[in-house]
Amino acid sequence: MGDGDMRWELKTEDFSVVKRSTTNGVARLRKYVVLEDKSAPVRVCRDELVVDRHSASGDASAPFWAGESYVEIPLITEVAVPVLTPRIYEVVRVRKVTICETNSVGGVTRTEKLEVIR
């Protein structure tokens, strides 16, 4: 180049897209126990001793017996007892899926141009 010559470099910007992974949150699952009062109607029975006494009129010619005697009568009572039986009522599967979609990413690029003016 001679004296007074000028040299220019013209530049441009290329456009490309890079992807970066970032964490956008955490999923937290909690398993807990809920207590619930339940009841069911149950018919239960019990024995009670009933002694019926009536006046008697009649011949008392039978001799008295000596000593004492006892009669034992068992009295039965039914009791309702709750039975708790664990069972699985639901199976929950937790998994992570990746969903991909196409987004448009735009940006402004710069390019240097040269125009000759006379």
PDB file of N, CA and C in Angstrom:
ATOM      1  N   MET A   1       0.844  -1.164   0.000  1.00  0.00           N
ATOM      2  CA  MET A   1       0.000   0.000   0.000  1.00  0.00           C
ATOM      3  C   MET A   1       0.898   1.239   0.000  1.00  0.00           C
ATOM      4  N   GLY A   2       0.436   2.147  -0.740  1.00  0.00           N
ATOM      5  CA  GLY A   2       1.227   3.365  -0.827  1.00  0.00           C
ATOM      6  C   GLY A   2       0.810   4.363   0.235  1.00  0.00           C
ATOM      7  N   ASP A   3       1.506   5.536   0.169  1.00  0.00           N
ATOM      8  CA  ASP A   3       1.187   6.593   1.120  1.00  0.00           C
ATOM      9  C   ASP A   3      -0.224   7.084   0.892  1.00  0.00           C
ATOM     10  N   GLY A   4      -0.990   7.262   1.921  1.00  0.00           N
ATOM     11  CA  GLY A   4      -2.360   7.724   1.799  1.00  0.00           C
ATOM     12  C   GLY A   4      -3.357   6.611   1.550  1.00  0.00           C
ATOM     13  N   ASP A   5      -2.873   5.398   1.350  1.00  0.00           N
ATOM     14  CA  ASP A   5      -3.798   4.276   1.191  1.00  0.00           C
ATOM     15  C   ASP A   5      -4.369   3.908   2.555  1.00  0.00           C
ATOM     16  N   MET A   6      -5.561   3.501   2.541  1.00  0.00           N
ATOM     17  CA  MET A   6      -6.208   3.084   3.783  1.00  0.00           C
ATOM     18  C   MET A   6      -6.667   1.642   3.661  1.00  0.00           C
ATOM     19  N   ARG A   7      -6.675   1.016   4.775  1.00  0.00           N
ATOM     20  CA  ARG A   7      -7.125  -0.378   4.809  1.00  0.00           C
ATOM     21  C   ARG A   7      -8.143  -0.517   5.913  1.00  0.00           C
ATOM     22  N   TRP A   8      -9.256  -1.102   5.565  1.00  0.00           N
ATOM     23  CA  TRP A   8     -10.295  -1.348   6.569  1.00  0.00           C
ATOM     24  C   TRP A   8     -10.604  -2.829   6.631  1.00  0.00           C
ATOM     25  N   GLU A   9     -10.876  -3.259   7.821  1.00  0.00           N
ATOM     26  CA  GLU A   9     -11.360  -4.629   7.991  1.00  0.00           C
ATOM     27  C   GLU A   9     -12.849  -4.556   8.264  1.00  0.00           C
ATOM     28  N   LEU A  10     -13.594  -5.275   7.502  1.00  0.00           N
ATOM     29  CA  LEU A  10     -15.039  -5.314   7.708  1.00  0.00           C
ATOM     30  C   LEU A  10     -15.382  -6.557   8.528  1.00  0.00           C
ATOM     31  N   LYS A  11     -16.197  -6.349   9.525  1.00  0.00           N
ATOM     32  CA  LYS A  11     -16.519  -7.447  10.432  1.00  0.00           C
ATOM     33  C   LYS A  11     -18.001  -7.777  10.357  1.00  0.00           C
ATOM     34  N   THR A  12     -18.295  -8.975  10.707  1.00  0.00           N
ATOM     35  CA  THR A  12     -19.690  -9.406  10.825  1.00  0.00           C
ATOM     36  C   THR A  12     -19.805 -10.332  12.030  1.00  0.00           C
ATOM     37  N   GLU A  13     -21.022 -10.552  12.484  1.00  0.00           N
ATOM     38  CA  GLU A  13     -21.263 -11.471  13.595  1.00  0.00           C
ATOM     39  C   GLU A  13     -22.060 -12.660  13.080  1.00  0.00           C
ATOM     40  N   ASP A  14     -21.581 -13.834  13.371  1.00  0.00           N
ATOM     41  CA  ASP A  14     -22.324 -15.048  13.035  1.00  0.00           C
ATOM     42  C   ASP A  14     -23.331 -15.326  14.148  1.00  0.00           C
ATOM     43  N   PHE A  15     -24.426 -15.939  13.780  1.00  0.00           N
ATOM     44  CA  PHE A  15     -25.488 -16.251  14.752  1.00  0.00           C
ATOM     45  C   PHE A  15     -25.542 -17.758  14.964  1.00  0.00           C
ATOM     46  N   SER A  16     -25.415 -18.159  16.197  1.00  0.00           N
ATOM     47  CA  SER A  16     -25.590 -19.563  16.556  1.00  0.00           C
ATOM     48  C   SER A  16     -26.239 -19.613  17.940  1.00  0.00           C
ATOM     49  N   VAL A  17     -26.695 -20.766  18.276  1.00  0.00           N
ATOM     50  CA  VAL A  17     -27.383 -20.933  19.561  1.00  0.00           C
ATOM     51  C   VAL A  17     -26.705 -22.071  20.315  1.00  0.00           C
ATOM     52  N   VAL A  18     -26.437 -21.830  21.583  1.00  0.00           N
ATOM     53  CA  VAL A  18     -25.929 -22.893  22.451  1.00  0.00           C
ATOM     54  C   VAL A  18     -26.975 -23.134  23.534  1.00  0.00           C
ATOM     55  N   LYS A  19     -26.987 -24.335  24.055  1.00  0.00           N
ATOM     56  CA  LYS A  19     -27.939 -24.668  25.113  1.00  0.00           C
ATOM     57  C   LYS A  19     -27.186 -24.871  26.415  1.00  0.00           C
ATOM     58  N   ARG A  20     -27.764 -24.365  27.490  1.00  0.00           N
ATOM     59  CA  ARG A  20     -27.223 -24.582  28.818  1.00  0.00           C
ATOM     60  C   ARG A  20     -28.316 -25.187  29.679  1.00  0.00           C
ATOM     61  N   SER A  21     -27.940 -26.102  30.539  1.00  0.00           N
ATOM     62  CA  SER A  21     -28.904 -26.703  31.460  1.00  0.00           C
ATOM     63  C   SER A  21     -28.867 -25.961  32.785  1.00  0.00           C
ATOM     64  N   THR A  22     -30.037 -25.657  33.295  1.00  0.00           N
ATOM     65  CA  THR A  22     -30.132 -25.040  34.614  1.00  0.00           C
ATOM     66  C   THR A  22     -31.214 -25.775  35.395  1.00  0.00           C
ATOM     67  N   THR A  23     -31.138 -25.675  36.687  1.00  0.00           N
ATOM     68  CA  THR A  23     -32.158 -26.274  37.541  1.00  0.00           C
ATOM     69  C   THR A  23     -33.242 -25.233  37.776  1.00  0.00           C
ATOM     70  N   ASN A  24     -34.482 -25.609  37.480  1.00  0.00           N
ATOM     71  CA  ASN A  24     -35.565 -24.651  37.662  1.00  0.00           C
ATOM     72  C   ASN A  24     -36.459 -25.013  38.841  1.00  0.00           C
ATOM     73  N   GLY A  25     -35.987 -25.851  39.724  1.00  0.00           N
ATOM     74  CA  GLY A  25     -36.771 -26.204  40.908  1.00  0.00           C
ATOM     75  C   GLY A  25     -36.520 -27.649  41.298  1.00  0.00           C
ATOM     76  N   VAL A  26     -37.128 -28.021  42.403  1.00  0.00           N
ATOM     77  CA  VAL A  26     -37.003 -29.374  42.932  1.00  0.00           C
ATOM     78  C   VAL A  26     -38.398 -29.879  43.251  1.00  0.00           C
ATOM     79  N   ALA A  27     -38.707 -31.091  42.855  1.00  0.00           N
ATOM     80  CA  ALA A  27     -39.978 -31.704  43.223  1.00  0.00           C
ATOM     81  C   ALA A  27     -39.757 -32.472  44.518  1.00  0.00           C
ATOM     82  N   ARG A  28     -40.579 -32.200  45.504  1.00  0.00           N
ATOM     83  CA  ARG A  28     -40.449 -32.877  46.794  1.00  0.00           C
ATOM     84  C   ARG A  28     -41.762 -33.572  47.093  1.00  0.00           C
ATOM     85  N   LEU A  29     -41.685 -34.863  47.367  1.00  0.00           N
ATOM     86  CA  LEU A  29     -42.862 -35.651  47.689  1.00  0.00           C
ATOM     87  C   LEU A  29     -42.814 -36.030  49.159  1.00  0.00           C
ATOM     88  N   ARG A  30     -43.982 -36.037  49.795  1.00  0.00           N
ATOM     89  CA  ARG A  30     -44.048 -36.383  51.210  1.00  0.00           C
ATOM     90  C   ARG A  30     -45.145 -37.408  51.407  1.00  0.00           C
ATOM     91  N   LYS A  31     -44.809 -38.458  52.129  1.00  0.00           N
ATOM     92  CA  LYS A  31     -45.797 -39.476  52.467  1.00  0.00           C
ATOM     93  C   LYS A  31     -46.080 -39.336  53.957  1.00  0.00           C
ATOM     94  N   TYR A  32     -47.360 -39.290  54.310  1.00  0.00           N
ATOM     95  CA  TYR A  32     -47.706 -39.092  55.712  1.00  0.00           C
ATOM     96  C   TYR A  32     -48.966 -39.872  56.050  1.00  0.00           C
ATOM     97  N   VAL A  33     -49.277 -39.954  57.327  1.00  0.00           N
ATOM     98  CA  VAL A  33     -50.409 -40.734  57.826  1.00  0.00           C
ATOM     99  C   VAL A  33     -51.502 -39.782  58.275  1.00  0.00           C
ATOM    100  N   VAL A  34     -52.718 -40.069  57.869  1.00  0.00           N
ATOM    101  CA  VAL A  34     -53.890 -39.315  58.295  1.00  0.00           C
ATOM    102  C   VAL A  34     -54.720 -40.210  59.194  1.00  0.00           C
ATOM    103  N   LEU A  35     -55.076 -39.707  60.359  1.00  0.00           N
ATOM    104  CA  LEU A  35     -55.903 -40.478  61.283  1.00  0.00           C
ATOM    105  C   LEU A  35     -57.367 -40.124  61.055  1.00  0.00           C
ATOM    106  N   GLU A  36     -58.211 -41.117  61.029  1.00  0.00           N
ATOM    107  CA  GLU A  36     -59.636 -40.910  60.786  1.00  0.00           C
ATOM    108  C   GLU A  36     -60.419 -41.824  61.716  1.00  0.00           C
ATOM    109  N   ASP A  37     -61.373 -41.234  62.419  1.00  0.00           N
ATOM    110  CA  ASP A  37     -62.227 -42.031  63.295  1.00  0.00           C
ATOM    111  C   ASP A  37     -63.270 -42.760  62.454  1.00  0.00           C
ATOM    112  N   LYS A  38     -63.398 -44.042  62.682  1.00  0.00           N
ATOM    113  CA  LYS A  38     -64.382 -44.857  61.965  1.00  0.00           C
ATOM    114  C   LYS A  38     -65.201 -45.613  62.999  1.00  0.00           C
ATOM    115  N   SER A  39     -66.438 -45.896  62.654  1.00  0.00           N
ATOM    116  CA  SER A  39     -67.266 -46.724  63.525  1.00  0.00           C
ATOM    117  C   SER A  39     -68.224 -47.535  62.667  1.00  0.00           C
ATOM    118  N   ALA A  40     -68.658 -48.631  63.214  1.00  0.00           N
ATOM    119  CA  ALA A  40     -69.602 -49.502  62.521  1.00  0.00           C
ATOM    120  C   ALA A  40     -70.570 -50.050  63.563  1.00  0.00           C
ATOM    121  N   PRO A  41     -71.840 -50.132  63.225  1.00  0.00           N
ATOM    122  CA  PRO A  41     -72.798 -50.689  64.185  1.00  0.00           C
ATOM    123  C   PRO A  41     -72.605 -52.205  64.311  1.00  0.00           C
ATOM    124  N   VAL A  42     -72.545 -52.660  65.545  1.00  0.00           N
ATOM    125  CA  VAL A  42     -72.356 -54.079  65.823  1.00  0.00           C
ATOM    126  C   VAL A  42     -73.344 -54.460  66.922  1.00  0.00           C
ATOM    127  N   ARG A  43     -74.070 -55.521  66.698  1.00  0.00           N
ATOM    128  CA  ARG A  43     -74.998 -56.001  67.714  1.00  0.00           C
ATOM    129  C   ARG A  43     -74.263 -56.975  68.626  1.00  0.00           C
ATOM    130  N   VAL A  44     -74.202 -56.659  69.894  1.00  0.00           N
ATOM    131  CA  VAL A  44     -73.571 -57.542  70.876  1.00  0.00           C
ATOM    132  C   VAL A  44     -74.616 -57.941  71.918  1.00  0.00           C
ATOM    133  N   CYS A  45     -74.435 -59.104  72.488  1.00  0.00           N
ATOM    134  CA  CYS A  45     -75.403 -59.633  73.453  1.00  0.00           C
ATOM    135  C   CYS A  45     -74.699 -59.965  74.762  1.00  0.00           C
ATOM    136  N   ARG A  46     -75.464 -59.977  75.834  1.00  0.00           N
ATOM    137  CA  ARG A  46     -74.924 -60.402  77.120  1.00  0.00           C
ATOM    138  C   ARG A  46     -76.024 -61.122  77.886  1.00  0.00           C
ATOM    139  N   ASP A  47     -75.601 -62.007  78.718  1.00  0.00           N
ATOM    140  CA  ASP A  47     -76.537 -62.753  79.565  1.00  0.00           C
ATOM    141  C   ASP A  47     -76.723 -62.019  80.892  1.00  0.00           C
ATOM    142  N   GLU A  48     -77.928 -61.981  81.329  1.00  0.00           N
ATOM    143  CA  GLU A  48     -78.227 -61.470  82.661  1.00  0.00           C
ATOM    144  C   GLU A  48     -79.019 -62.531  83.405  1.00  0.00           C
ATOM    145  N   LEU A  49     -78.834 -62.590  84.689  1.00  0.00           N
ATOM    146  CA  LEU A  49     -79.518 -63.580  85.508  1.00  0.00           C
ATOM    147  C   LEU A  49     -80.857 -63.010  85.950  1.00  0.00           C
ATOM    148  N   VAL A  50     -81.878 -63.754  85.685  1.00  0.00           N
ATOM    149  CA  VAL A  50     -83.225 -63.371  86.110  1.00  0.00           C
ATOM    150  C   VAL A  50     -83.741 -64.475  87.024  1.00  0.00           C
ATOM    151  N   VAL A  51     -84.135 -64.105  88.206  1.00  0.00           N
ATOM    152  CA  VAL A  51     -84.678 -65.072  89.163  1.00  0.00           C
ATOM    153  C   VAL A  51     -86.156 -64.756  89.334  1.00  0.00           C
ATOM    154  N   ASP A  52     -86.984 -65.707  88.990  1.00  0.00           N
ATOM    155  CA  ASP A  52     -88.425 -65.570  89.170  1.00  0.00           C
ATOM    156  C   ASP A  52     -88.828 -66.344  90.425  1.00  0.00           C
ATOM    157  N   ARG A  53     -89.526 -65.686  91.334  1.00  0.00           N
ATOM    158  CA  ARG A  53     -89.997 -66.335  92.558  1.00  0.00           C
ATOM    159  C   ARG A  53     -91.514 -66.217  92.604  1.00  0.00           C
ATOM    160  N   HIS A  54     -92.139 -67.314  92.942  1.00  0.00           N
ATOM    161  CA  HIS A  54     -93.599 -67.336  93.035  1.00  0.00           C
ATOM    162  C   HIS A  54     -93.999 -67.930  94.382  1.00  0.00           C
ATOM    163  N   SER A  55     -95.122 -67.488  94.844  1.00  0.00           N
ATOM    164  CA  SER A  55     -95.662 -68.083  96.065  1.00  0.00           C
ATOM    165  C   SER A  55     -96.116 -69.488  95.762  1.00  0.00           C
ATOM    166  N   ALA A  56     -95.890 -70.339  96.696  1.00  0.00           N
ATOM    167  CA  ALA A  56     -96.262 -71.732  96.490  1.00  0.00           C
ATOM    168  C   ALA A  56     -97.199 -72.152  97.618  1.00  0.00           C
ATOM    169  N   SER A  57     -98.137 -72.943  97.274  1.00  0.00           N
ATOM    170  CA  SER A  57     -98.981 -73.537  98.305  1.00  0.00           C
ATOM    171  C   SER A  57     -99.008 -75.017  98.023  1.00  0.00           C
ATOM    172  N   GLY A  58     -98.741 -75.753  98.973  1.00  0.00           N
ATOM    173  CA  GLY A  58     -98.710 -77.170  98.724  1.00  0.00           C
ATOM    174  C   GLY A  58     -98.183 -77.910  99.930  1.00  0.00           C
ATOM    175  N   ASP A  59     -98.050 -79.170  99.775  1.00  0.00           N
ATOM    176  CA  ASP A  59     -97.628 -80.044 100.849  1.00  0.00           C
ATOM    177  C   ASP A  59     -96.131 -79.924 101.037  1.00  0.00           C
ATOM    178  N   ALA A  60     -95.685 -79.676 102.204  1.00  0.00           N
ATOM    179  CA  ALA A  60     -94.268 -79.587 102.525  1.00  0.00           C
ATOM    180  C   ALA A  60     -93.821 -80.851 103.215  1.00  0.00           C
ATOM    181  N   SER A  61     -94.215 -81.969 102.666  1.00  0.00           N
ATOM    182  CA  SER A  61     -93.881 -83.231 103.306  1.00  0.00           C
ATOM    183  C   SER A  61     -92.467 -83.687 103.005  1.00  0.00           C
ATOM    184  N   ALA A  62     -91.848 -83.065 102.026  1.00  0.00           N
ATOM    185  CA  ALA A  62     -90.472 -83.464 101.697  1.00  0.00           C
ATOM    186  C   ALA A  62     -89.568 -82.993 102.819  1.00  0.00           C
ATOM    187  N   PRO A  63     -88.586 -83.812 103.179  1.00  0.00           N
ATOM    188  CA  PRO A  63     -87.697 -83.424 104.272  1.00  0.00           C
ATOM    189  C   PRO A  63     -86.726 -82.329 103.839  1.00  0.00           C
ATOM    190  N   PHE A  64     -86.258 -81.581 104.794  1.00  0.00           N
ATOM    191  CA  PHE A  64     -85.209 -80.580 104.511  1.00  0.00           C
ATOM    192  C   PHE A  64     -83.895 -81.281 104.311  1.00  0.00           C
ATOM    193  N   TRP A  65     -83.080 -80.759 103.434  1.00  0.00           N
ATOM    194  CA  TRP A  65     -81.761 -81.372 103.282  1.00  0.00           C
ATOM    195  C   TRP A  65     -80.770 -80.617 104.144  1.00  0.00           C
ATOM    196  N   ALA A  66     -79.800 -81.266 104.550  1.00  0.00           N
ATOM    197  CA  ALA A  66     -78.823 -80.667 105.451  1.00  0.00           C
ATOM    198  C   ALA A  66     -77.717 -80.007 104.638  1.00  0.00           C
ATOM    199  N   GLY A  67     -77.194 -78.907 105.091  1.00  0.00           N
ATOM    200  CA  GLY A  67     -76.067 -78.242 104.430  1.00  0.00           C
ATOM    201  C   GLY A  67     -76.516 -77.204 103.412  1.00  0.00           C
ATOM    202  N   GLU A  68     -75.602 -76.856 102.585  1.00  0.00           N
ATOM    203  CA  GLU A  68     -75.850 -75.842 101.559  1.00  0.00           C
ATOM    204  C   GLU A  68     -75.633 -76.455 100.186  1.00  0.00           C
ATOM    205  N   SER A  69     -76.236 -75.862  99.183  1.00  0.00           N
ATOM    206  CA  SER A  69     -75.962 -76.271  97.811  1.00  0.00           C
ATOM    207  C   SER A  69     -75.827 -75.016  96.963  1.00  0.00           C
ATOM    208  N   TYR A  70     -75.074 -75.157  95.912  1.00  0.00           N
ATOM    209  CA  TYR A  70     -74.829 -74.015  95.019  1.00  0.00           C
ATOM    210  C   TYR A  70     -75.123 -74.429  93.591  1.00  0.00           C
ATOM    211  N   VAL A  71     -75.554 -73.465  92.830  1.00  0.00           N
ATOM    212  CA  VAL A  71     -75.750 -73.653  91.393  1.00  0.00           C
ATOM    213  C   VAL A  71     -74.953 -72.554  90.705  1.00  0.00           C
ATOM    214  N   GLU A  72     -74.129 -72.927  89.764  1.00  0.00           N
ATOM    215  CA  GLU A  72     -73.369 -71.938  88.997  1.00  0.00           C
ATOM    216  C   GLU A  72     -73.928 -71.866  87.587  1.00  0.00           C
ATOM    217  N   ILE A  73     -74.219 -70.666  87.175  1.00  0.00           N
ATOM    218  CA  ILE A  73     -74.758 -70.421  85.840  1.00  0.00           C
ATOM    219  C   ILE A  73     -73.787 -69.466  85.138  1.00  0.00           C
ATOM    220  N   PRO A  74     -73.140 -69.896  84.082  1.00  0.00           N
ATOM    221  CA  PRO A  74     -72.205 -68.997  83.381  1.00  0.00           C
ATOM    222  C   PRO A  74     -72.977 -67.902  82.639  1.00  0.00           C
ATOM    223  N   LEU A  75     -72.523 -66.681  82.774  1.00  0.00           N
ATOM    224  CA  LEU A  75     -73.096 -65.536  82.070  1.00  0.00           C
ATOM    225  C   LEU A  75     -72.110 -65.120  80.976  1.00  0.00           C
ATOM    226  N   ILE A  76     -72.584 -65.047  79.779  1.00  0.00           N
ATOM    227  CA  ILE A  76     -71.740 -64.754  78.624  1.00  0.00           C
ATOM    228  C   ILE A  76     -71.977 -63.308  78.179  1.00  0.00           C
ATOM    229  N   THR A  77     -70.896 -62.618  77.896  1.00  0.00           N
ATOM    230  CA  THR A  77     -70.965 -61.259  77.353  1.00  0.00           C
ATOM    231  C   THR A  77     -70.149 -61.201  76.071  1.00  0.00           C
ATOM    232  N   GLU A  78     -70.734 -60.655  75.026  1.00  0.00           N
ATOM    233  CA  GLU A  78     -70.010 -60.444  73.779  1.00  0.00           C
ATOM    234  C   GLU A  78     -69.352 -59.063  73.810  1.00  0.00           C
ATOM    235  N   VAL A  79     -68.152 -59.008  73.316  1.00  0.00           N
ATOM    236  CA  VAL A  79     -67.405 -57.755  73.264  1.00  0.00           C
ATOM    237  C   VAL A  79     -67.021 -57.501  71.808  1.00  0.00           C
ATOM    238  N   ALA A  80     -67.254 -56.299  71.339  1.00  0.00           N
ATOM    239  CA  ALA A  80     -66.869 -55.921  69.975  1.00  0.00           C
ATOM    240  C   ALA A  80     -65.440 -55.389  70.009  1.00  0.00           C
ATOM    241  N   VAL A  81     -64.591 -55.970  69.205  1.00  0.00           N
ATOM    242  CA  VAL A  81     -63.177 -55.594  69.155  1.00  0.00           C
ATOM    243  C   VAL A  81     -62.840 -55.202  67.720  1.00  0.00           C
ATOM    244  N   PRO A  82     -62.287 -53.998  67.524  1.00  0.00           N
ATOM    245  CA  PRO A  82     -61.900 -53.629  66.158  1.00  0.00           C
ATOM    246  C   PRO A  82     -60.690 -54.423  65.705  1.00  0.00           C
ATOM    247  N   VAL A  83     -60.711 -54.817  64.441  1.00  0.00           N
ATOM    248  CA  VAL A  83     -59.586 -55.531  63.835  1.00  0.00           C
ATOM    249  C   VAL A  83     -59.040 -54.653  62.723  1.00  0.00           C
ATOM    250  N   LEU A  84     -57.779 -54.292  62.818  1.00  0.00           N
ATOM    251  CA  LEU A  84     -57.154 -53.446  61.808  1.00  0.00           C
ATOM    252  C   LEU A  84     -56.280 -54.313  60.919  1.00  0.00           C
ATOM    253  N   THR A  85     -56.608 -54.341  59.643  1.00  0.00           N
ATOM    254  CA  THR A  85     -55.864 -55.137  58.671  1.00  0.00           C
ATOM    255  C   THR A  85     -55.306 -54.201  57.610  1.00  0.00           C
ATOM    256  N   PRO A  86     -53.999 -54.043  57.553  1.00  0.00           N
ATOM    257  CA  PRO A  86     -53.449 -53.155  56.525  1.00  0.00           C
ATOM    258  C   PRO A  86     -53.582 -53.770  55.140  1.00  0.00           C
ATOM    259  N   ARG A  87     -53.835 -52.908  54.159  1.00  0.00           N
ATOM    260  CA  ARG A  87     -53.910 -53.350  52.777  1.00  0.00           C
ATOM    261  C   ARG A  87     -53.424 -52.217  51.884  1.00  0.00           C
ATOM    262  N   ILE A  88     -52.941 -52.548  50.737  1.00  0.00           N
ATOM    263  CA  ILE A  88     -52.496 -51.551  49.765  1.00  0.00           C
ATOM    264  C   ILE A  88     -53.720 -51.129  48.960  1.00  0.00           C
ATOM    265  N   TYR A  89     -54.006 -49.843  48.950  1.00  0.00           N
ATOM    266  CA  TYR A  89     -55.169 -49.380  48.195  1.00  0.00           C
ATOM    267  C   TYR A  89     -54.791 -48.622  46.936  1.00  0.00           C
ATOM    268  N   GLU A  90     -53.534 -48.257  46.801  1.00  0.00           N
ATOM    269  CA  GLU A  90     -53.118 -47.543  45.602  1.00  0.00           C
ATOM    270  C   GLU A  90     -51.614 -47.683  45.453  1.00  0.00           C
ATOM    271  N   VAL A  91     -51.155 -47.778  44.227  1.00  0.00           N
ATOM    272  CA  VAL A  91     -49.725 -47.802  43.938  1.00  0.00           C
ATOM    273  C   VAL A  91     -49.417 -46.544  43.148  1.00  0.00           C
ATOM    274  N   VAL A  92     -48.468 -45.781  43.628  1.00  0.00           N
ATOM    275  CA  VAL A  92     -48.091 -44.528  42.984  1.00  0.00           C
ATOM    276  C   VAL A  92     -46.711 -44.711  42.374  1.00  0.00           C
ATOM    277  N   ARG A  93     -46.622 -44.425  41.094  1.00  0.00           N
ATOM    278  CA  ARG A  93     -45.334 -44.507  40.403  1.00  0.00           C
ATOM    279  C   ARG A  93     -44.878 -43.086  40.134  1.00  0.00           C
ATOM    280  N   VAL A  94     -43.698 -42.757  40.580  1.00  0.00           N
ATOM    281  CA  VAL A  94     -43.149 -41.427  40.367  1.00  0.00           C
ATOM    282  C   VAL A  94     -41.998 -41.555  39.391  1.00  0.00           C
ATOM    283  N   ARG A  95     -42.073 -40.790  38.333  1.00  0.00           N
ATOM    284  CA  ARG A  95     -41.000 -40.815  37.348  1.00  0.00           C
ATOM    285  C   ARG A  95     -40.837 -39.426  36.774  1.00  0.00           C
ATOM    286  N   LYS A  96     -39.734 -39.218  36.165  1.00  0.00           N
ATOM    287  CA  LYS A  96     -39.433 -37.931  35.569  1.00  0.00           C
ATOM    288  C   LYS A  96     -39.419 -38.104  34.062  1.00  0.00           C
ATOM    289  N   VAL A  97     -40.070 -37.204  33.359  1.00  0.00           N
ATOM    290  CA  VAL A  97     -40.068 -37.251  31.902  1.00  0.00           C
ATOM    291  C   VAL A  97     -39.458 -35.957  31.372  1.00  0.00           C
ATOM    292  N   THR A  98     -38.875 -36.042  30.217  1.00  0.00           N
ATOM    293  CA  THR A  98     -38.318 -34.865  29.552  1.00  0.00           C
ATOM    294  C   THR A  98     -39.213 -34.499  28.391  1.00  0.00           C
ATOM    295  N   ILE A  99     -39.658 -33.272  28.386  1.00  0.00           N
ATOM    296  CA  ILE A  99     -40.533 -32.769  27.328  1.00  0.00           C
ATOM    297  C   ILE A  99     -39.722 -31.786  26.496  1.00  0.00           C
ATOM    298  N   CYS A 100     -39.660 -32.021  25.195  1.00  0.00           N
ATOM    299  CA  CYS A 100     -38.905 -31.149  24.298  1.00  0.00           C
ATOM    300  C   CYS A 100     -39.867 -30.387  23.404  1.00  0.00           C
ATOM    301  N   GLU A 101     -39.570 -29.146  23.206  1.00  0.00           N
ATOM    302  CA  GLU A 101     -40.358 -28.326  22.298  1.00  0.00           C
ATOM    303  C   GLU A 101     -39.402 -27.402  21.550  1.00  0.00           C
ATOM    304  N   THR A 102     -39.869 -26.892  20.440  1.00  0.00           N
ATOM    305  CA  THR A 102     -39.030 -26.011  19.637  1.00  0.00           C
ATOM    306  C   THR A 102     -39.422 -24.571  19.915  1.00  0.00           C
ATOM    307  N   ASN A 103     -38.442 -23.785  20.330  1.00  0.00           N
ATOM    308  CA  ASN A 103     -38.653 -22.359  20.573  1.00  0.00           C
ATOM    309  C   ASN A 103     -37.833 -21.560  19.575  1.00  0.00           C
ATOM    310  N   SER A 104     -38.283 -20.373  19.289  1.00  0.00           N
ATOM    311  CA  SER A 104     -37.543 -19.497  18.395  1.00  0.00           C
ATOM    312  C   SER A 104     -36.674 -18.578  19.238  1.00  0.00           C
ATOM    313  N   VAL A 105     -35.388 -18.588  18.952  1.00  0.00           N
ATOM    314  CA  VAL A 105     -34.447 -17.730  19.668  1.00  0.00           C
ATOM    315  C   VAL A 105     -33.919 -16.713  18.668  1.00  0.00           C
ATOM    316  N   GLY A 106     -34.063 -15.465  19.006  1.00  0.00           N
ATOM    317  CA  GLY A 106     -33.627 -14.427  18.076  1.00  0.00           C
ATOM    318  C   GLY A 106     -32.603 -13.514  18.719  1.00  0.00           C
ATOM    319  N   GLY A 107     -31.835 -12.882  17.914  1.00  0.00           N
ATOM    320  CA  GLY A 107     -30.846 -11.925  18.382  1.00  0.00           C
ATOM    321  C   GLY A 107     -30.490 -10.981  17.250  1.00  0.00           C
ATOM    322  N   VAL A 108     -29.831  -9.913  17.568  1.00  0.00           N
ATOM    323  CA  VAL A 108     -29.439  -8.926  16.566  1.00  0.00           C
ATOM    324  C   VAL A 108     -27.948  -9.098  16.290  1.00  0.00           C
ATOM    325  N   THR A 109     -27.613  -9.245  15.033  1.00  0.00           N
ATOM    326  CA  THR A 109     -26.204  -9.333  14.644  1.00  0.00           C
ATOM    327  C   THR A 109     -25.785  -8.032  13.964  1.00  0.00           C
ATOM    328  N   ARG A 110     -24.524  -7.786  14.015  1.00  0.00           N
ATOM    329  CA  ARG A 110     -23.994  -6.572  13.379  1.00  0.00           C
ATOM    330  C   ARG A 110     -23.052  -6.961  12.234  1.00  0.00           C
ATOM    331  N   THR A 111     -23.151  -6.249  11.184  1.00  0.00           N
ATOM    332  CA  THR A 111     -22.255  -6.444  10.043  1.00  0.00           C
ATOM    333  C   THR A 111     -21.789  -5.080   9.563  1.00  0.00           C
ATOM    334  N   GLU A 112     -20.499  -4.953   9.366  1.00  0.00           N
ATOM    335  CA  GLU A 112     -19.951  -3.699   8.828  1.00  0.00           C
ATOM    336  C   GLU A 112     -19.976  -3.757   7.295  1.00  0.00           C
ATOM    337  N   LYS A 113     -20.412  -2.679   6.691  1.00  0.00           N
ATOM    338  CA  LYS A 113     -20.471  -2.583   5.220  1.00  0.00           C
ATOM    339  C   LYS A 113     -19.661  -1.369   4.789  1.00  0.00           C
ATOM    340  N   LEU A 114     -19.283  -1.357   3.567  1.00  0.00           N
ATOM    341  CA  LEU A 114     -18.522  -0.233   3.016  1.00  0.00           C
ATOM    342  C   LEU A 114     -19.213   0.267   1.767  1.00  0.00           C
ATOM    343  N   GLU A 115     -19.410   1.544   1.719  1.00  0.00           N
ATOM    344  CA  GLU A 115     -20.045   2.133   0.551  1.00  0.00           C
ATOM    345  C   GLU A 115     -19.073   3.177  -0.035  1.00  0.00           C
ATOM    346  N   VAL A 116     -18.921   3.131  -1.318  1.00  0.00           N
ATOM    347  CA  VAL A 116     -18.041   4.087  -1.992  1.00  0.00           C
ATOM    348  C   VAL A 116     -18.889   5.266  -2.432  1.00  0.00           C
ATOM    349  N   ILE A 117     -18.501   6.430  -2.004  1.00  0.00           N
ATOM    350  CA  ILE A 117     -19.208   7.657  -2.373  1.00  0.00           C
ATOM    351  C   ILE A 117     -18.257   8.479  -3.263  1.00  0.00           C
ATOM    352  N   ARG A 118     -18.675   9.000  -4.400  1.00  0.00           N
ATOM    353  CA  ARG A 118     -17.830   9.783  -5.303  1.00  0.00           C
ATOM    354  C   ARG A 118     -18.092  11.223  -5.165  1.00  0.00           C
TER     355      ARG A 118
END
